[in-house]
Amino acid sequence: MNRVYRANAAHAAARSILGARGRARIPALAGLFSLALFVALEVVGLEAAVRASAAALAYLPELRPLYLVERLLAGALGAAAALVLLGSLTTAVSTLFLSEELLALAVLPIPHRRLLARQAALTLALASAPSLLLALPALGVAASASRAPLLAAGAGLLSVAGLFLLAGSLGIAGALVLVRIVPARRARLFSALLSALGLSAALVGFRAARPERLLDPVEALGLLQSLGASAPPAPGANPAAWAARGAALALAGDPTGLLPGALLLALGLAAAALVPAALAGVHRAVWGDVREASSGAAHPARRRPARSLGGVLLRAEAATVLRDASTPAQLGSLAAVFLLDLLNVRLLPASDPAARDLVAGLQTGLSLFLVSALSLRFAYPAVSTDARAAAVLRSMPLNPRLHLLARWAARAIPAVLTSLVLTGASLAVLKPAAATTGAALAVALAGGLAIPALHTGLGGLFPRYDAPNPVAVALGPGGLFALVLSTGLALFATVAVSAELRTLLGALVHQRLTLASTLVVFLCAAAAAAAVPMALAARSLTSSDISVG
């Protein structure tokens, strides 16, 4: 039976990646191509950084590269472990208590401890996937540049795996204890709020470190001397520091670097095995209450007179967005990024028109990139969150096109406000030329309308009704493909706004790019990016058979 269960799980994972039908494989293959392109760009950038660093250190013989590498790794691994901890805290509440898949598995003759271990492993995989996507290519580049590539790669893998297992197990334990104190749905909201506060604190701390000092050659040299001339302190009880020391020693060709990594991996495996076993009783008791509450009779909803079908759909979609447990976390992270961004903008010299024009374009692109990230979380899964109710909605006399427009409108309004507020605040600080200001506001408005339509349309064209949660939908291959397209639109916005970037691009392509022509092309691209996916999704939702897949 266990062999059949594992085979079915592997088959389901393959179908979720490649799709069950021919058309469903298009976003999957596009998403995999986007991932491969991202990894390739990361590798190329890191290799260039390694070569530049080696050339620069040759002129600074008083610096010890091993000290710099260890301190850099300690910061990077500590940040990655914090992301895994916050991600597992939020994800564990959903996968361990609120997952519909758990309800289906509970009726099977599977021991509860094994079921809990399975969900905990799924939590660790989901929470650590983004950090691994960044860490593994960097580890490969560093190992290839070291004296002993196999030794460096082995020590780095041991350190990263052990550190992520420890951080993820701590997050799972925190989620189990949190749900014991408060109801599961409130615990999910509270964990999302904790994640937002943690990310906000990290951003504020990063700003307090004054990264702009690296742009000043004198201060950058002083910082390098302070970090590279003295040995790092003893790791103590800090797992990230031990992981950094082991990886740094292995990069230098010292075999003793394997010891900290092996010890961290052993501790991580022990934590991943002991945490579910120790808290299995807590999970059994709390999940029993959650299952009884979910199967009980729902409270009757208040009835309000409906003036129009469109108004009802718009209110329903707005309520869905506002009641999402990730909304406070996303708003908190957005506020932290906004404040950090404004603090950095105020450091620019106000007397340099070229710098103001350049940063105005970059700020507009950044605003649309933030809108793209929010749309990936809220707009792309809009259709897939219907789940089993999709068949009920199809049986009603409801026009899918009208419902799709309501989904887009409920998410486009906050997206437009976000892009206009972020862009307008930056323009108020920068005070660029009038033409640049007008172009930036027009681009922010068009992008704020187009990006949610792009994500909503692609999410409706390739829905995943069987996904366990909206995050799984957003992080699927189709969601990554939508993010790549919207990120390209945000990058295009920087050229449409900034005259300096238009001049640079024109010199590269040997064309004269004017503000009017570039702005018209951007508006046409935004209109196409919004209209084509929405039209294809409306046609698909009207004619496709949702009982398949």
Protein backbone atom coordinates (compact mmCIF):
# COMPACT_ATOMS: atom_id res chain seq x y z
CA MET A 1 0.00 0.00 0.00
CA ASN A 2 2.83 2.39 0.83
CA ARG A 3 4.36 1.67 -2.57
CA VAL A 4 1.08 2.50 -4.32
CA TYR A 5 0.69 5.67 -2.26
CA ARG A 6 4.18 6.88 -3.16
CA ALA A 7 3.63 6.08 -6.84
CA ASN A 8 0.36 8.02 -6.90
CA ALA A 9 2.00 10.96 -5.13
CA ALA A 10 4.85 11.00 -7.66
CA HIS A 11 2.39 10.79 -10.56
CA ALA A 12 0.34 13.67 -9.13
CA ALA A 13 3.50 15.78 -8.72
CA ALA A 14 4.48 15.10 -12.34
CA ARG A 15 1.02 16.06 -13.56
CA SER A 16 1.09 19.27 -11.55
CA ILE A 17 4.39 20.22 -13.23
CA LEU A 18 3.79 19.09 -16.81
CA GLY A 19 0.00 19.25 -16.90
CA ALA A 20 -2.53 16.60 -17.75
CA ARG A 21 -3.58 18.01 -21.13
CA GLY A 22 -1.70 19.48 -24.05
CA ARG A 23 -2.75 23.08 -23.45
CA ALA A 24 -2.01 22.82 -19.72
CA ARG A 25 1.60 22.07 -20.53
CA ILE A 26 2.15 25.47 -22.15
CA PRO A 27 2.46 27.49 -18.90
CA ALA A 28 4.35 24.63 -17.26
CA LEU A 29 6.99 24.53 -19.99
CA ALA A 30 7.11 28.34 -20.11
CA GLY A 31 7.56 28.45 -16.33
CA LEU A 32 10.35 25.87 -16.45
CA PHE A 33 12.04 27.87 -19.20
CA SER A 34 11.73 31.02 -17.07
CA LEU A 35 13.31 29.21 -14.11
CA ALA A 36 16.17 28.00 -16.29
CA LEU A 37 16.68 31.52 -17.64
CA PHE A 38 16.69 32.95 -14.10
CA VAL A 39 19.27 30.41 -12.95
CA ALA A 40 21.42 31.10 -16.00
CA LEU A 41 21.34 34.86 -15.40
CA GLU A 42 22.18 34.34 -11.72
CA VAL A 43 25.14 32.14 -12.61
CA VAL A 44 26.45 34.61 -15.19
CA GLY A 45 26.12 37.53 -12.75
CA LEU A 46 27.81 35.66 -9.91
CA GLU A 47 30.67 34.50 -12.11
CA ALA A 48 31.27 38.10 -13.20
CA ALA A 49 31.18 39.21 -9.56
CA VAL A 50 33.69 36.51 -8.58
CA ARG A 51 36.09 37.56 -11.34
CA ALA A 52 35.77 41.24 -10.42
CA SER A 53 36.30 40.49 -6.72
CA ALA A 54 39.40 38.40 -7.43
CA ALA A 55 40.87 41.19 -9.55
CA ALA A 56 40.13 43.81 -6.87
CA LEU A 57 41.54 41.75 -4.00
CA ALA A 58 44.83 41.41 -5.86
CA TYR A 59 45.39 45.12 -5.18
CA LEU A 60 44.51 44.76 -1.47
CA PRO A 61 47.02 42.27 -0.06
CA GLU A 62 46.23 43.22 3.54
CA LEU A 63 42.75 41.69 3.26
CA ARG A 64 42.08 38.02 3.98
CA PRO A 65 39.57 36.64 1.43
CA LEU A 66 38.60 33.85 3.85
CA TYR A 67 37.38 36.39 6.41
CA LEU A 68 35.34 38.28 3.82
CA VAL A 69 33.82 35.07 2.45
CA GLU A 70 32.85 33.82 5.91
CA ARG A 71 31.18 37.10 6.86
CA LEU A 72 29.37 37.28 3.52
CA LEU A 73 28.15 33.70 3.86
CA ALA A 74 27.02 34.28 7.44
CA GLY A 75 24.81 37.17 6.36
CA ALA A 76 23.43 35.40 3.30
CA LEU A 77 22.74 32.11 5.09
CA GLY A 78 21.22 33.90 8.08
CA ALA A 79 18.83 35.81 5.80
CA ALA A 80 17.90 32.62 3.93
CA ALA A 81 17.27 30.74 7.20
CA ALA A 82 15.05 33.58 8.42
CA LEU A 83 13.01 33.39 5.22
CA VAL A 84 12.63 29.62 5.64
CA LEU A 85 11.57 30.09 9.27
CA LEU A 86 8.93 32.71 8.45
CA GLY A 87 7.74 30.78 5.40
CA SER A 88 7.38 27.49 7.27
CA LEU A 89 5.51 29.21 10.12
CA THR A 90 2.88 30.50 7.69
CA THR A 91 2.78 27.46 5.42
CA ALA A 92 2.56 24.93 8.27
CA VAL A 93 -0.75 26.33 9.52
CA SER A 94 -2.29 25.69 6.09
CA THR A 95 -0.71 22.33 5.30
CA LEU A 96 -1.14 20.83 8.79
CA PHE A 97 -4.62 22.06 9.63
CA LEU A 98 -6.50 23.75 6.77
CA SER A 99 -5.56 21.63 3.76
CA GLU A 100 -8.38 19.85 1.93
CA GLU A 101 -5.86 17.21 0.93
CA LEU A 102 -5.44 16.36 4.61
CA LEU A 103 -9.17 15.67 4.90
CA ALA A 104 -8.96 13.20 2.02
CA LEU A 105 -5.87 11.46 3.40
CA ALA A 106 -7.28 11.15 6.91
CA VAL A 107 -9.86 8.54 5.85
CA LEU A 108 -7.12 6.24 4.53
CA PRO A 109 -5.53 3.59 6.81
CA ILE A 110 -2.39 5.68 7.34
CA PRO A 111 -1.00 6.15 10.88
CA HIS A 112 -1.43 9.68 12.15
CA ARG A 113 2.27 10.14 12.87
CA ARG A 114 3.16 9.20 9.30
CA LEU A 115 0.51 11.56 7.94
CA LEU A 116 1.85 14.39 10.09
CA ALA A 117 5.42 13.64 8.96
CA ARG A 118 4.27 13.73 5.35
CA GLN A 119 2.61 17.14 5.77
CA ALA A 120 5.65 18.45 7.66
CA ALA A 121 7.92 17.35 4.80
CA LEU A 122 5.61 19.12 2.35
CA THR A 123 5.82 22.25 4.48
CA LEU A 124 9.61 22.13 4.49
CA ALA A 125 9.70 21.71 0.72
CA LEU A 126 7.33 24.62 0.05
CA ALA A 127 8.98 26.96 2.54
CA SER A 128 12.57 26.30 1.43
CA ALA A 129 12.04 26.19 -2.35
CA PRO A 130 12.55 29.96 -3.01
CA SER A 131 15.70 30.08 -0.86
CA LEU A 132 17.08 26.94 -2.49
CA LEU A 133 16.46 28.44 -5.91
CA LEU A 134 18.83 31.27 -4.97
CA ALA A 135 21.30 29.28 -2.87
CA LEU A 136 22.05 26.29 -5.10
CA PRO A 137 23.27 28.23 -8.18
CA ALA A 138 25.37 30.45 -5.92
CA LEU A 139 26.83 27.37 -4.26
CA GLY A 140 27.71 25.90 -7.65
CA VAL A 141 29.47 29.08 -8.80
CA ALA A 142 31.43 29.35 -5.54
CA ALA A 143 32.44 25.69 -5.64
CA SER A 144 33.65 25.95 -9.25
CA ALA A 145 35.89 28.89 -8.28
CA SER A 146 37.38 27.17 -5.21
CA ARG A 147 40.54 25.12 -4.86
CA ALA A 148 38.62 21.86 -4.26
CA PRO A 149 35.26 22.02 -6.08
CA LEU A 150 33.90 18.68 -4.83
CA LEU A 151 34.84 19.44 -1.24
CA ALA A 152 33.33 22.92 -1.40
CA ALA A 153 30.12 21.68 -3.00
CA GLY A 154 29.73 18.88 -0.45
CA ALA A 155 30.34 21.10 2.57
CA GLY A 156 28.02 23.77 1.18
CA LEU A 157 25.19 21.30 0.54
CA LEU A 158 25.53 19.83 4.03
CA SER A 159 25.50 23.27 5.64
CA VAL A 160 22.55 24.61 3.62
CA ALA A 161 20.46 21.44 4.06
CA GLY A 162 21.09 21.28 7.81
CA LEU A 163 20.41 24.98 8.35
CA PHE A 164 17.17 24.92 6.35
CA LEU A 165 15.96 21.79 8.14
CA LEU A 166 16.58 23.43 11.52
CA ALA A 167 14.81 26.66 10.52
CA GLY A 168 11.87 24.83 8.94
CA SER A 169 11.43 22.50 11.93
CA LEU A 170 11.41 25.49 14.26
CA GLY A 171 8.72 27.14 12.15
CA ILE A 172 6.60 23.95 12.17
CA ALA A 173 6.93 23.68 15.96
CA GLY A 174 5.90 27.33 16.30
CA ALA A 175 2.85 26.74 14.10
CA LEU A 176 1.76 23.70 16.13
CA VAL A 177 2.07 25.62 19.39
CA LEU A 178 0.34 28.70 17.92
CA VAL A 179 -2.66 26.71 16.72
CA ARG A 180 -2.93 25.19 20.17
CA ILE A 181 -3.44 28.70 21.58
CA VAL A 182 -5.70 30.31 18.95
CA PRO A 183 -8.03 28.86 16.26
CA ALA A 184 -6.37 27.68 13.08
CA ARG A 185 -7.72 30.39 10.77
CA ARG A 186 -6.75 33.13 13.19
CA ALA A 187 -3.37 31.46 13.61
CA ARG A 188 -2.84 31.66 9.86
CA LEU A 189 -3.64 35.37 9.95
CA PHE A 190 -1.37 35.89 12.96
CA SER A 191 1.51 33.96 11.39
CA ALA A 192 1.17 36.02 8.21
CA LEU A 193 1.33 39.17 10.32
CA LEU A 194 4.44 37.88 12.08
CA SER A 195 6.05 37.19 8.71
CA ALA A 196 5.23 40.70 7.53
CA LEU A 197 6.69 42.22 10.68
CA GLY A 198 9.82 40.09 10.33
CA LEU A 199 10.35 41.10 6.72
CA SER A 200 9.68 44.74 7.56
CA ALA A 201 12.21 44.64 10.40
CA ALA A 202 14.77 43.05 8.08
CA LEU A 203 14.25 45.79 5.49
CA VAL A 204 14.54 48.53 8.09
CA GLY A 205 17.68 46.88 9.47
CA PHE A 206 19.16 46.68 6.00
CA ARG A 207 18.46 50.37 5.54
CA ALA A 208 20.01 51.18 8.93
CA ALA A 209 23.23 49.53 7.73
CA ARG A 210 23.53 52.35 5.16
CA PRO A 211 24.19 50.30 2.00
CA GLU A 212 24.77 53.55 0.09
CA ARG A 213 28.24 53.60 1.65
CA LEU A 214 29.29 51.06 -0.96
CA LEU A 215 28.85 53.74 -3.63
CA ASP A 216 31.52 55.89 -1.97
CA PRO A 217 34.99 54.44 -2.79
CA VAL A 218 36.55 55.72 0.44
CA GLU A 219 33.82 54.35 2.73
CA ALA A 220 33.61 51.10 0.74
CA LEU A 221 37.37 50.57 1.16
CA GLY A 222 37.14 51.28 4.89
CA LEU A 223 34.27 48.81 5.22
CA LEU A 224 36.23 46.13 3.37
CA GLN A 225 39.26 46.68 5.58
CA SER A 226 37.21 46.41 8.75
CA LEU A 227 35.63 43.16 7.54
CA GLY A 228 38.59 41.53 5.85
CA ALA A 229 41.52 42.42 8.10
CA SER A 230 40.23 40.81 11.31
CA ALA A 231 38.97 37.30 11.94
CA PRO A 232 35.21 36.81 12.41
CA PRO A 233 34.06 36.12 15.98
CA ALA A 234 33.45 32.60 17.20
CA PRO A 235 30.15 31.14 15.91
CA GLY A 236 28.91 30.30 19.40
CA ALA A 237 25.36 28.93 19.25
CA ASN A 238 24.53 30.54 15.89
CA PRO A 239 23.79 27.79 13.30
CA ALA A 240 24.15 30.24 10.39
CA ALA A 241 27.63 31.23 11.60
CA TRP A 242 28.66 27.56 11.87
CA ALA A 243 27.31 26.90 8.36
CA ALA A 244 29.24 29.90 7.03
CA ARG A 245 32.46 28.78 8.73
CA GLY A 246 32.23 25.26 7.38
CA ALA A 247 31.46 26.44 3.84
CA ALA A 248 34.25 29.05 3.95
CA LEU A 249 36.83 26.51 5.12
CA ALA A 250 35.79 24.09 2.38
CA LEU A 251 36.05 26.85 -0.24
CA ALA A 252 39.61 27.42 0.95
CA GLY A 253 40.39 23.71 0.51
CA ASP A 254 40.31 22.73 4.20
CA PRO A 255 38.64 19.29 4.71
CA THR A 256 37.64 20.22 8.27
CA GLY A 257 34.91 22.34 6.71
CA LEU A 258 32.86 19.16 6.29
CA LEU A 259 32.52 18.72 10.05
CA PRO A 260 30.23 21.74 10.80
CA GLY A 261 28.09 20.90 7.78
CA ALA A 262 27.73 17.24 8.79
CA LEU A 263 26.86 18.24 12.36
CA LEU A 264 24.24 20.74 11.15
CA LEU A 265 22.71 18.14 8.83
CA ALA A 266 22.48 15.62 11.67
CA LEU A 267 20.82 18.18 13.93
CA GLY A 268 18.45 19.21 11.12
CA LEU A 269 17.40 15.63 10.39
CA ALA A 270 16.89 14.98 14.09
CA ALA A 271 14.74 18.13 14.43
CA ALA A 272 12.71 17.26 11.33
CA ALA A 273 12.00 13.79 12.76
CA LEU A 274 11.49 14.69 16.42
CA VAL A 275 9.30 17.80 16.08
CA PRO A 276 6.36 16.00 14.37
CA ALA A 277 6.73 13.01 16.69
CA ALA A 278 6.83 15.14 19.85
CA LEU A 279 3.86 17.29 18.84
CA ALA A 280 1.74 14.58 17.20
CA GLY A 281 -0.67 14.62 20.15
CA VAL A 282 -1.12 18.38 19.86
CA HIS A 283 -1.80 18.07 16.14
CA ARG A 284 -4.30 15.25 16.63
CA ALA A 285 -6.30 17.16 19.22
CA VAL A 286 -6.30 20.51 17.43
CA TRP A 287 -6.96 19.08 13.98
CA GLY A 288 -9.91 17.12 15.33
CA ASP A 289 -11.46 20.38 16.49
CA VAL A 290 -10.73 22.02 13.11
CA ARG A 291 -12.33 19.11 11.23
CA GLU A 292 -15.45 19.22 13.41
CA ALA A 293 -15.73 22.98 12.95
CA SER A 294 -15.35 22.71 9.17
CA SER A 295 -18.00 19.99 8.92
CA GLY A 296 -20.49 21.77 11.16
CA ALA A 297 -23.35 23.93 10.05
CA ALA A 298 -22.35 27.37 8.86
CA HIS A 299 -23.82 30.49 10.34
CA PRO A 300 -26.52 32.06 8.17
CA ALA A 301 -25.17 35.00 6.22
CA ARG A 302 -26.79 38.39 6.36
CA ARG A 303 -28.89 39.12 3.29
CA ARG A 304 -28.52 42.44 1.54
CA PRO A 305 -30.63 43.64 -1.36
CA ALA A 306 -28.77 43.29 -4.66
CA ARG A 307 -29.06 46.16 -7.11
CA SER A 308 -27.11 44.47 -9.90
CA LEU A 309 -25.32 41.21 -10.57
CA GLY A 310 -22.06 43.06 -11.27
CA GLY A 311 -22.21 44.80 -7.91
CA VAL A 312 -22.75 41.50 -6.10
CA LEU A 313 -19.82 39.88 -7.87
CA LEU A 314 -17.58 42.87 -7.20
CA ARG A 315 -18.46 42.87 -3.47
CA ALA A 316 -17.87 39.13 -3.27
CA GLU A 317 -14.44 39.36 -4.91
CA ALA A 318 -13.47 42.34 -2.73
CA ALA A 319 -14.46 40.36 0.36
CA THR A 320 -12.36 37.41 -0.87
CA VAL A 321 -9.28 39.65 -1.17
CA LEU A 322 -9.82 41.36 2.19
CA ARG A 323 -10.41 38.10 4.06
CA ASP A 324 -7.30 36.46 2.63
CA ALA A 325 -4.88 35.63 5.43
CA SER A 326 -1.95 36.95 3.41
CA THR A 327 -3.41 40.44 2.97
CA PRO A 328 -1.91 41.91 6.19
CA ALA A 329 1.45 40.36 5.40
CA GLN A 330 1.49 41.72 1.87
CA LEU A 331 0.42 45.19 3.02
CA GLY A 332 3.05 45.22 5.78
CA SER A 333 5.81 44.19 3.37
CA LEU A 334 4.62 46.76 0.84
CA ALA A 335 4.66 49.53 3.46
CA ALA A 336 8.19 48.56 4.54
CA VAL A 337 9.45 48.56 0.94
CA PHE A 338 7.73 51.89 0.32
CA LEU A 339 9.37 53.56 3.34
CA LEU A 340 12.75 52.06 2.52
CA ASP A 341 12.45 53.22 -1.06
CA LEU A 342 11.60 56.80 -0.08
CA LEU A 343 14.50 56.94 2.38
CA ASN A 344 16.87 55.92 -0.39
CA VAL A 345 15.39 58.42 -2.87
CA ARG A 346 15.98 61.31 -0.48
CA LEU A 347 19.72 60.60 -0.59
CA LEU A 348 19.97 61.54 -4.26
CA PRO A 349 21.51 64.90 -5.20
CA ALA A 350 18.69 67.28 -6.04
CA SER A 351 20.88 69.35 -8.38
CA ASP A 352 21.51 66.60 -10.94
CA PRO A 353 18.69 66.51 -13.55
CA ALA A 354 20.08 63.37 -15.23
CA ALA A 355 20.04 61.44 -11.93
CA ARG A 356 16.49 62.56 -11.17
CA ASP A 357 15.32 61.49 -14.63
CA LEU A 358 17.05 58.11 -14.36
CA VAL A 359 15.72 57.34 -10.89
CA ALA A 360 12.20 58.47 -11.86
CA GLY A 361 12.19 55.74 -14.50
CA LEU A 362 13.61 53.16 -12.11
CA GLN A 363 11.07 54.10 -9.44
CA THR A 364 8.20 53.67 -11.87
CA GLY A 365 9.49 50.25 -12.85
CA LEU A 366 9.88 49.31 -9.19
CA SER A 367 6.29 50.35 -8.48
CA LEU A 368 5.00 48.13 -11.26
CA PHE A 369 7.22 45.27 -10.11
CA LEU A 370 5.64 45.49 -6.65
CA VAL A 371 2.21 45.49 -8.31
CA SER A 372 3.32 42.41 -10.26
CA ALA A 373 4.31 40.62 -7.05
CA LEU A 374 0.98 41.44 -5.43
CA SER A 375 -0.92 40.36 -8.55
CA LEU A 376 0.93 37.06 -8.57
CA ARG A 377 -0.41 36.35 -5.09
CA PHE A 378 -3.95 37.73 -5.41
CA ALA A 379 -4.86 37.96 -9.11
CA TYR A 380 -3.34 34.84 -10.65
CA PRO A 381 -5.06 32.37 -8.22
CA ALA A 382 -8.40 34.24 -8.46
CA VAL A 383 -10.07 31.58 -10.64
CA SER A 384 -8.30 28.57 -9.12
CA THR A 385 -9.52 29.42 -5.60
CA ASP A 386 -13.02 28.37 -6.69
CA ALA A 387 -11.79 24.79 -6.19
CA ARG A 388 -14.76 22.42 -5.95
CA ALA A 389 -17.20 25.33 -6.21
CA ALA A 390 -16.14 25.82 -9.85
CA ALA A 391 -18.58 23.12 -10.96
CA VAL A 392 -21.38 24.75 -8.94
CA LEU A 393 -20.67 28.14 -10.49
CA ARG A 394 -20.70 26.60 -13.96
CA SER A 395 -24.18 25.18 -13.32
CA MET A 396 -25.57 28.62 -12.42
CA PRO A 397 -26.93 31.13 -14.96
CA LEU A 398 -23.80 33.25 -14.50
CA ASN A 399 -21.78 34.64 -17.37
CA PRO A 400 -18.12 33.62 -16.83
CA ARG A 401 -16.99 36.73 -18.70
CA LEU A 402 -18.78 39.02 -16.26
CA HIS A 403 -17.39 37.09 -13.29
CA LEU A 404 -13.88 37.31 -14.76
CA LEU A 405 -14.21 41.08 -15.14
CA ALA A 406 -15.37 41.33 -11.52
CA ARG A 407 -12.33 39.34 -10.39
CA TRP A 408 -10.07 41.70 -12.31
CA ALA A 409 -11.78 44.90 -11.09
CA ALA A 410 -11.56 43.89 -7.42
CA ARG A 411 -7.80 43.46 -7.79
CA ALA A 412 -7.10 46.24 -10.29
CA ILE A 413 -8.40 49.03 -8.05
CA PRO A 414 -5.84 48.46 -5.23
CA ALA A 415 -3.14 47.78 -7.84
CA VAL A 416 -3.74 51.15 -9.54
CA LEU A 417 -3.78 52.95 -6.20
CA THR A 418 -0.54 51.25 -5.19
CA SER A 419 1.29 52.09 -8.42
CA LEU A 420 0.06 55.70 -8.45
CA VAL A 421 0.87 56.33 -4.77
CA LEU A 422 4.35 54.81 -5.01
CA THR A 423 5.15 56.61 -8.25
CA GLY A 424 3.61 59.90 -7.13
CA ALA A 425 5.50 59.92 -3.83
CA SER A 426 8.78 59.29 -5.65
CA LEU A 427 8.03 62.05 -8.16
CA ALA A 428 7.23 64.46 -5.32
CA VAL A 429 10.68 63.81 -3.85
CA LEU A 430 12.60 63.77 -7.14
CA LYS A 431 10.83 66.69 -8.91
CA PRO A 432 11.86 65.67 -12.47
CA ALA A 433 10.86 67.47 -15.67
CA ALA A 434 7.17 67.89 -16.45
CA ALA A 435 7.32 65.49 -19.41
CA THR A 436 8.93 62.80 -17.25
CA THR A 437 6.31 63.32 -14.53
CA GLY A 438 3.43 62.98 -16.98
CA ALA A 439 4.93 59.89 -18.60
CA ALA A 440 5.55 58.25 -15.21
CA LEU A 441 1.95 58.78 -14.07
CA ALA A 442 0.55 57.52 -17.38
CA VAL A 443 2.77 54.43 -17.27
CA ALA A 444 1.86 53.76 -13.62
CA LEU A 445 -1.85 53.98 -14.44
CA ALA A 446 -1.64 51.76 -17.51
CA GLY A 447 0.60 49.21 -15.79
CA GLY A 448 -1.59 49.13 -12.69
CA LEU A 449 -4.56 48.22 -14.88
CA ALA A 450 -2.76 45.83 -17.22
CA ILE A 451 -0.73 43.67 -14.82
CA PRO A 452 -3.72 42.40 -12.74
CA ALA A 453 -5.56 41.68 -16.01
CA LEU A 454 -2.54 39.73 -17.29
CA HIS A 455 -2.36 37.62 -14.13
CA THR A 456 -6.12 37.13 -13.83
CA GLY A 457 -6.39 36.13 -17.49
CA LEU A 458 -3.51 33.65 -17.42
CA GLY A 459 -4.80 32.23 -14.13
CA GLY A 460 -8.20 31.72 -15.71
CA LEU A 461 -6.74 30.27 -18.89
CA PHE A 462 -4.75 27.65 -16.96
CA PRO A 463 -6.63 27.12 -13.66
CA ARG A 464 -5.58 24.64 -10.99
CA TYR A 465 -8.76 23.78 -9.08
CA ASP A 466 -7.02 20.91 -7.28
CA ALA A 467 -4.25 23.06 -5.77
CA PRO A 468 -4.06 22.89 -1.94
CA ASN A 469 -3.84 26.68 -1.47
CA PRO A 470 -3.44 29.92 -3.46
CA VAL A 471 0.30 30.03 -2.77
CA ALA A 472 0.76 26.71 -4.56
CA VAL A 473 -1.14 28.13 -7.54
CA ALA A 474 0.94 31.32 -7.60
CA LEU A 475 4.25 29.46 -7.33
CA GLY A 476 3.38 27.00 -10.08
CA PRO A 477 4.94 27.14 -13.55
CA GLY A 478 2.07 29.21 -14.97
CA GLY A 479 2.39 31.77 -12.18
CA LEU A 480 6.12 32.09 -12.73
CA PHE A 481 5.49 32.61 -16.46
CA ALA A 482 2.98 35.37 -15.66
CA LEU A 483 5.52 36.96 -13.30
CA VAL A 484 8.17 36.95 -16.04
CA LEU A 485 5.81 38.69 -18.48
CA SER A 486 4.72 41.32 -15.97
CA THR A 487 8.34 41.88 -14.90
CA GLY A 488 9.21 42.50 -18.55
CA LEU A 489 6.43 45.09 -18.70
CA ALA A 490 7.84 46.75 -15.57
CA LEU A 491 11.31 46.88 -17.15
CA PHE A 492 9.83 48.40 -20.31
CA ALA A 493 8.23 51.08 -18.12
CA THR A 494 11.65 52.33 -17.01
CA VAL A 495 12.63 53.00 -20.63
CA ALA A 496 9.30 54.66 -21.40
CA VAL A 497 9.78 57.16 -18.55
CA SER A 498 13.51 57.89 -18.41
CA ALA A 499 15.19 59.87 -21.21
CA GLU A 500 18.60 58.66 -20.03
CA LEU A 501 17.60 55.01 -20.44
CA ARG A 502 16.03 55.72 -23.84
CA THR A 503 19.29 57.30 -24.99
CA LEU A 504 21.27 54.29 -23.78
CA LEU A 505 18.92 51.79 -25.41
CA GLY A 506 18.83 53.83 -28.61
CA ALA A 507 22.61 53.77 -28.79
CA LEU A 508 22.57 49.99 -28.42
CA VAL A 509 19.97 49.39 -31.13
CA HIS A 510 21.13 52.31 -33.32
CA GLN A 511 17.71 53.96 -33.26
CA ARG A 512 16.47 57.31 -32.00
CA LEU A 513 13.85 56.67 -29.31
CA THR A 514 11.57 59.57 -28.46
CA LEU A 515 9.28 59.95 -25.47
CA ALA A 516 6.10 59.93 -27.58
CA SER A 517 6.97 56.84 -29.62
CA THR A 518 8.18 54.84 -26.62
CA LEU A 519 5.15 55.79 -24.56
CA VAL A 520 2.76 54.79 -27.36
CA VAL A 521 4.49 51.43 -27.74
CA PHE A 522 4.30 50.83 -23.97
CA LEU A 523 0.60 51.67 -23.84
CA CYS A 524 -0.09 49.34 -26.77
CA ALA A 525 1.94 46.57 -25.11
CA ALA A 526 0.08 47.07 -21.84
CA ALA A 527 -3.28 46.97 -23.61
CA ALA A 528 -2.32 43.77 -25.44
CA ALA A 529 -0.96 42.17 -22.25
CA ALA A 530 -4.30 42.90 -20.57
CA ALA A 531 -6.79 42.18 -23.36
CA VAL A 532 -5.38 39.01 -24.91
CA PRO A 533 -5.17 36.84 -21.74
CA MET A 534 -8.56 38.10 -20.52
CA ALA A 535 -10.22 37.30 -23.86
CA LEU A 536 -8.64 33.85 -24.04
CA ALA A 537 -9.57 33.12 -20.42
CA ALA A 538 -13.18 34.24 -20.93
CA ARG A 539 -13.48 31.97 -23.95
CA SER A 540 -11.88 29.05 -22.11
CA LEU A 541 -14.07 29.42 -19.02
CA THR A 542 -17.15 29.48 -21.22
CA SER A 543 -16.36 26.41 -23.32
CA SER A 544 -13.87 24.18 -21.46
CA ASP A 545 -14.86 21.05 -19.55
CA ILE A 546 -13.80 21.61 -15.94
CA SER A 547 -14.51 18.00 -14.98
CA VAL A 548 -11.27 16.96 -16.74
CA GLY A 549 -8.00 17.31 -14.75
